[in-house]
Amino acid sequence: MSAPDFWDDQNAARALMAEVNPLKHRMEAFSALKSRLEDIDAAIELAQEADDDDLGREAVEEFARWQKSLADFELLTLLNGPQDQASCYVTIHAGRHSPPPRGPAAGKPVTGHPCYCACISAGVSAGDFP
């Protein structure tokens, strides 16, 4: 990317940047998680050496927040397919439209109609899916 002719072919450069930026974001997020965990570890050691319950409690609370951040990061790493960065529109279809039941069936759920969900990624038509 620092090569003098990198931007000569702007379409190829944009395509490469589109691949690199998500990877860069993941690496930065991983580095931040690693740094936070090292800080938590240091705080726990300090709390043990100083016999400081308040610092120990803060370190435990920060560790709980760190675990949530780790779970978010794990989800981010799972979403690495070509369409995972795109928006998605979800529609749920409850089967064919029927009039509400009457008589003894009133108030009971209507069954027997197939339900399905369609998720169409932005920029991809429904015909592109199997």
Protein backbone atom coordinates (compact mmCIF):
# COMPACT_ATOMS: atom_id res chain seq x y z
CA MET A 1 0.00 0.00 0.00
CA SER A 2 2.97 2.28 0.46
CA ALA A 3 4.28 1.46 -3.01
CA PRO A 4 4.35 4.55 -5.24
CA ASP A 5 2.17 2.90 -7.91
CA PHE A 6 -0.39 1.41 -5.48
CA TRP A 7 -3.15 3.87 -6.40
CA ASP A 8 -2.49 3.73 -10.16
CA ASP A 9 -5.23 1.12 -10.50
CA GLN A 10 -7.82 2.66 -8.17
CA ASN A 11 -10.32 -0.19 -8.48
CA ALA A 12 -7.73 -2.79 -7.47
CA ALA A 13 -6.49 -0.53 -4.66
CA ARG A 14 -10.04 -0.07 -3.31
CA ALA A 15 -10.67 -3.81 -3.47
CA LEU A 16 -7.46 -4.49 -1.55
CA MET A 17 -8.30 -1.82 1.04
CA ALA A 18 -11.75 -3.39 1.47
CA GLU A 19 -10.03 -6.66 2.38
CA VAL A 20 -7.33 -5.10 4.57
CA ASN A 21 -9.48 -2.75 6.67
CA PRO A 22 -11.59 -5.45 8.39
CA LEU A 23 -8.42 -7.43 9.15
CA LYS A 24 -6.75 -4.32 10.54
CA HIS A 25 -9.82 -3.66 12.70
CA ARG A 26 -9.70 -7.23 14.07
CA MET A 27 -5.99 -6.95 14.87
CA GLU A 28 -6.52 -3.65 16.68
CA ALA A 29 -9.41 -5.13 18.67
CA PHE A 30 -7.29 -8.17 19.58
CA SER A 31 -4.38 -5.97 20.67
CA ALA A 32 -6.70 -3.88 22.84
CA LEU A 33 -8.12 -7.04 24.47
CA LYS A 34 -4.62 -8.36 25.13
CA SER A 35 -3.51 -5.05 26.65
CA ARG A 36 -6.61 -4.85 28.88
CA LEU A 37 -6.03 -8.41 30.12
CA GLU A 38 -2.41 -7.59 30.95
CA ASP A 39 -3.61 -4.54 32.90
CA ILE A 40 -6.15 -6.67 34.79
CA ASP A 41 -3.46 -9.22 35.60
CA ALA A 42 -1.19 -6.46 36.93
CA ALA A 43 -4.04 -5.04 39.01
CA ILE A 44 -4.75 -8.46 40.53
CA GLU A 45 -1.08 -8.93 41.42
CA LEU A 46 -0.92 -5.46 42.94
CA ALA A 47 -4.11 -6.07 44.92
CA GLN A 48 -2.69 -9.33 46.29
CA GLU A 49 0.67 -7.78 47.20
CA ALA A 50 -0.93 -4.74 48.86
CA ASP A 51 -3.77 -6.82 50.36
CA ASP A 52 -6.17 -4.24 48.88
CA ASP A 53 -9.72 -5.62 48.67
CA ASP A 54 -11.07 -2.58 46.79
CA LEU A 55 -8.45 -2.89 44.04
CA GLY A 56 -9.12 -6.63 43.85
CA ARG A 57 -12.86 -5.99 43.50
CA GLU A 58 -12.23 -3.43 40.74
CA ALA A 59 -10.00 -5.91 38.91
CA VAL A 60 -12.69 -8.60 39.12
CA GLU A 61 -15.31 -6.17 37.81
CA GLU A 62 -13.01 -5.13 34.95
CA PHE A 63 -12.41 -8.80 34.16
CA ALA A 64 -16.17 -9.32 33.83
CA ARG A 65 -16.34 -6.39 31.38
CA TRP A 66 -13.34 -7.83 29.54
CA GLN A 67 -15.11 -11.19 29.17
CA LYS A 68 -18.06 -9.40 27.52
CA SER A 69 -15.64 -7.66 25.15
CA LEU A 70 -14.01 -11.02 24.38
CA ALA A 71 -17.41 -12.53 23.53
CA ASP A 72 -18.09 -9.60 21.18
CA PHE A 73 -14.67 -10.12 19.57
CA GLU A 74 -15.35 -13.84 19.12
CA LEU A 75 -18.59 -13.01 17.29
CA LEU A 76 -16.69 -10.56 15.10
CA THR A 77 -14.21 -13.27 14.14
CA LEU A 78 -17.02 -15.67 13.25
CA LEU A 79 -18.53 -13.13 10.86
CA ASN A 80 -15.83 -13.34 8.22
CA GLY A 81 -17.75 -14.36 5.10
CA PRO A 82 -17.93 -12.19 2.00
CA GLN A 83 -21.47 -10.96 2.78
CA ASP A 84 -21.04 -10.59 6.57
CA GLN A 85 -20.00 -6.94 6.30
CA ALA A 86 -23.12 -6.07 4.28
CA SER A 87 -26.48 -4.98 5.63
CA CYS A 88 -29.23 -7.56 5.73
CA TYR A 89 -32.98 -7.21 5.46
CA VAL A 90 -34.98 -9.92 7.21
CA THR A 91 -38.59 -10.64 6.41
CA ILE A 92 -40.72 -13.26 8.14
CA HIS A 93 -43.67 -14.73 6.29
CA ALA A 94 -46.24 -16.56 8.39
CA GLY A 95 -47.76 -18.49 5.55
CA ARG A 96 -50.76 -17.66 3.41
CA HIS A 97 -53.14 -15.01 4.62
CA SER A 98 -56.27 -16.51 6.14
CA PRO A 99 -59.31 -14.98 7.77
CA PRO A 100 -59.28 -15.28 11.57
CA PRO A 101 -60.81 -18.50 12.91
CA ARG A 102 -64.42 -18.40 14.09
CA GLY A 103 -66.50 -20.53 16.41
CA PRO A 104 -64.70 -23.00 18.69
CA ALA A 105 -61.36 -22.28 16.97
CA ALA A 106 -61.50 -18.56 17.75
CA GLY A 107 -58.54 -17.39 19.75
CA LYS A 108 -56.46 -20.45 18.88
CA PRO A 109 -53.40 -20.24 16.66
CA VAL A 110 -53.85 -21.10 13.00
CA THR A 111 -51.65 -24.05 12.07
CA GLY A 112 -50.81 -25.89 8.91
CA HIS A 113 -49.50 -22.92 6.96
CA PRO A 114 -45.78 -23.00 6.14
CA CYS A 115 -43.66 -20.24 7.62
CA TYR A 116 -40.32 -19.08 6.29
CA CYS A 117 -37.74 -16.37 6.79
CA ALA A 118 -35.80 -14.64 4.04
CA CYS A 119 -32.58 -12.72 4.65
CA ILE A 120 -31.48 -10.68 1.66
CA SER A 121 -28.07 -9.09 1.89
CA ALA A 122 -27.76 -5.53 0.59
CA GLY A 123 -26.57 -5.61 -2.98
CA VAL A 124 -27.54 -9.27 -3.50
CA SER A 125 -30.81 -10.25 -5.09
CA ALA A 126 -33.00 -13.04 -3.79
CA GLY A 127 -32.29 -14.97 -6.97
CA ASP A 128 -28.61 -15.26 -5.96
CA PHE A 129 -29.53 -17.58 -3.07
CA PRO A 130 -30.25 -21.29 -3.45
